[in-house]
Amino acid sequence: MTLSFWSETTRMDLRVSEVPNPRPGDRIEIDGEAFLIQGEPLRDRERLVWTVDLRLA
């Protein structure tokens, strides 16, 4: 049996100074398009950047 998963997501880095506390389900607008944060955001080693997975809202 083979399982396949397909998901339209976009991975993006966000500056902590601009988005201090992103949470799953938060909505972000970029160039007029709305996205939802999917899953837990990850912080980089220097704690300056969040990496988030986004999907269209």
N, C-alpha and C. Protein backbone atom coordinates (compact mmCIF):
# COMPACT_ATOMS: atom_id res chain seq x y z
N MET A 1 0.84 -1.17 0.00
CA MET A 1 0.00 0.00 0.00
C MET A 1 0.89 1.24 0.00
N THR A 2 0.56 2.20 -0.84
CA THR A 2 1.31 3.43 -0.94
C THR A 2 0.41 4.59 -0.56
N LEU A 3 0.90 5.44 0.33
CA LEU A 3 0.16 6.65 0.71
C LEU A 3 0.84 7.84 0.07
N SER A 4 0.05 8.71 -0.49
CA SER A 4 0.58 9.94 -1.08
C SER A 4 -0.12 11.12 -0.44
N PHE A 5 0.65 12.13 -0.15
CA PHE A 5 0.10 13.36 0.39
C PHE A 5 0.48 14.49 -0.54
N TRP A 6 -0.47 15.39 -0.78
CA TRP A 6 -0.21 16.54 -1.61
C TRP A 6 -0.78 17.76 -0.90
N SER A 7 0.03 18.76 -0.78
CA SER A 7 -0.41 19.96 -0.09
C SER A 7 0.20 21.17 -0.77
N GLU A 8 -0.62 22.18 -1.02
CA GLU A 8 -0.11 23.42 -1.59
C GLU A 8 0.30 24.33 -0.45
N THR A 9 1.58 24.33 -0.15
CA THR A 9 2.08 25.21 0.89
C THR A 9 3.26 26.01 0.36
N THR A 10 3.51 27.10 1.02
CA THR A 10 4.63 27.96 0.71
C THR A 10 5.44 28.13 1.97
N ARG A 11 6.73 27.94 1.89
CA ARG A 11 7.60 28.15 3.04
C ARG A 11 8.20 29.55 2.93
N MET A 12 8.15 30.28 4.04
CA MET A 12 8.62 31.66 4.02
C MET A 12 9.34 31.98 5.32
N ASP A 13 10.33 32.85 5.22
CA ASP A 13 11.02 33.37 6.39
C ASP A 13 10.45 34.72 6.74
N LEU A 14 10.20 34.94 8.03
CA LEU A 14 9.67 36.20 8.53
C LEU A 14 10.60 36.73 9.61
N ARG A 15 10.89 38.01 9.59
CA ARG A 15 11.73 38.61 10.63
C ARG A 15 10.99 38.67 11.95
N VAL A 16 11.66 38.26 13.02
CA VAL A 16 11.07 38.31 14.36
C VAL A 16 10.70 39.75 14.71
N SER A 17 11.48 40.72 14.25
CA SER A 17 11.19 42.13 14.53
C SER A 17 9.86 42.57 13.91
N GLU A 18 9.44 41.92 12.82
CA GLU A 18 8.18 42.28 12.15
C GLU A 18 7.01 41.41 12.59
N VAL A 19 7.30 40.15 12.94
CA VAL A 19 6.25 39.21 13.38
C VAL A 19 6.79 38.52 14.63
N PRO A 20 6.58 39.13 15.80
CA PRO A 20 7.22 38.62 17.02
C PRO A 20 6.71 37.27 17.52
N ASN A 21 5.44 36.93 17.26
CA ASN A 21 4.90 35.71 17.84
C ASN A 21 3.88 35.03 16.92
N PRO A 22 4.33 34.51 15.76
CA PRO A 22 3.37 33.86 14.85
C PRO A 22 2.87 32.54 15.44
N ARG A 23 1.60 32.24 15.20
CA ARG A 23 0.99 31.01 15.71
C ARG A 23 0.27 30.29 14.58
N PRO A 24 0.14 28.97 14.68
CA PRO A 24 -0.64 28.25 13.67
C PRO A 24 -2.06 28.83 13.58
N GLY A 25 -2.52 29.04 12.35
CA GLY A 25 -3.85 29.60 12.13
C GLY A 25 -3.85 31.11 11.95
N ASP A 26 -2.73 31.78 12.30
CA ASP A 26 -2.66 33.23 12.08
C ASP A 26 -2.74 33.53 10.59
N ARG A 27 -3.34 34.66 10.28
CA ARG A 27 -3.51 35.09 8.88
C ARG A 27 -2.47 36.14 8.55
N ILE A 28 -1.84 36.01 7.40
CA ILE A 28 -0.85 36.96 6.92
C ILE A 28 -1.25 37.38 5.51
N GLU A 29 -1.19 38.67 5.23
CA GLU A 29 -1.48 39.16 3.88
C GLU A 29 -0.19 39.60 3.21
N ILE A 30 0.03 39.12 1.99
CA ILE A 30 1.21 39.45 1.20
C ILE A 30 0.74 39.85 -0.19
N ASP A 31 1.03 41.07 -0.58
CA ASP A 31 0.62 41.58 -1.90
C ASP A 31 -0.85 41.33 -2.19
N GLY A 32 -1.71 41.53 -1.20
CA GLY A 32 -3.14 41.39 -1.39
C GLY A 32 -3.67 39.97 -1.31
N GLU A 33 -2.79 38.98 -1.12
CA GLU A 33 -3.24 37.59 -0.97
C GLU A 33 -3.17 37.18 0.49
N ALA A 34 -4.18 36.46 0.96
CA ALA A 34 -4.25 36.04 2.35
C ALA A 34 -3.74 34.60 2.49
N PHE A 35 -2.92 34.39 3.51
CA PHE A 35 -2.36 33.08 3.81
C PHE A 35 -2.59 32.77 5.29
N LEU A 36 -2.65 31.48 5.60
CA LEU A 36 -2.73 31.02 6.98
C LEU A 36 -1.45 30.26 7.33
N ILE A 37 -0.95 30.49 8.55
CA ILE A 37 0.22 29.74 9.02
C ILE A 37 -0.23 28.33 9.35
N GLN A 38 0.50 27.39 8.83
CA GLN A 38 0.19 25.98 9.00
C GLN A 38 1.31 25.34 9.83
N GLY A 39 0.99 24.72 10.93
CA GLY A 39 2.01 24.08 11.76
C GLY A 39 2.75 25.09 12.62
N GLU A 40 3.67 24.58 13.43
CA GLU A 40 4.45 25.43 14.33
C GLU A 40 5.56 26.15 13.60
N PRO A 41 5.66 27.48 13.76
CA PRO A 41 6.79 28.21 13.20
C PRO A 41 8.09 27.78 13.86
N LEU A 42 9.18 27.81 13.11
CA LEU A 42 10.49 27.45 13.62
C LEU A 42 11.39 28.67 13.61
N ARG A 43 12.17 28.84 14.69
CA ARG A 43 13.09 29.97 14.78
C ARG A 43 14.49 29.54 14.40
N ASP A 44 15.24 30.44 13.78
CA ASP A 44 16.62 30.12 13.39
C ASP A 44 17.53 30.15 14.62
N ARG A 45 18.75 29.73 14.42
CA ARG A 45 19.72 29.62 15.51
C ARG A 45 19.98 30.96 16.20
N GLU A 46 20.03 32.04 15.43
CA GLU A 46 20.28 33.37 15.99
C GLU A 46 19.03 34.01 16.59
N ARG A 47 17.87 33.33 16.40
CA ARG A 47 16.58 33.78 16.92
C ARG A 47 16.12 35.11 16.31
N LEU A 48 16.48 35.32 15.03
CA LEU A 48 16.11 36.54 14.33
C LEU A 48 15.03 36.31 13.27
N VAL A 49 14.83 35.05 12.86
CA VAL A 49 13.95 34.72 11.74
C VAL A 49 13.06 33.54 12.10
N TRP A 50 11.78 33.67 11.75
CA TRP A 50 10.84 32.55 11.82
C TRP A 50 10.74 31.92 10.43
N THR A 51 10.70 30.61 10.35
CA THR A 51 10.35 29.91 9.11
C THR A 51 8.96 29.34 9.32
N VAL A 52 8.05 29.71 8.41
CA VAL A 52 6.66 29.28 8.52
C VAL A 52 6.22 28.62 7.22
N ASP A 53 5.30 27.69 7.34
CA ASP A 53 4.62 27.11 6.19
C ASP A 53 3.27 27.81 6.08
N LEU A 54 2.98 28.29 4.88
CA LEU A 54 1.74 29.03 4.63
C LEU A 54 0.89 28.29 3.61
N ARG A 55 -0.42 28.47 3.72
CA ARG A 55 -1.34 27.99 2.69
C ARG A 55 -2.33 29.10 2.42
N LEU A 56 -2.85 29.12 1.21
CA LEU A 56 -3.84 30.15 0.86
C LEU A 56 -5.04 30.07 1.79
N ALA A 57 -5.51 31.23 2.19
CA ALA A 57 -6.68 31.28 3.10
C ALA A 57 -7.96 31.14 2.31
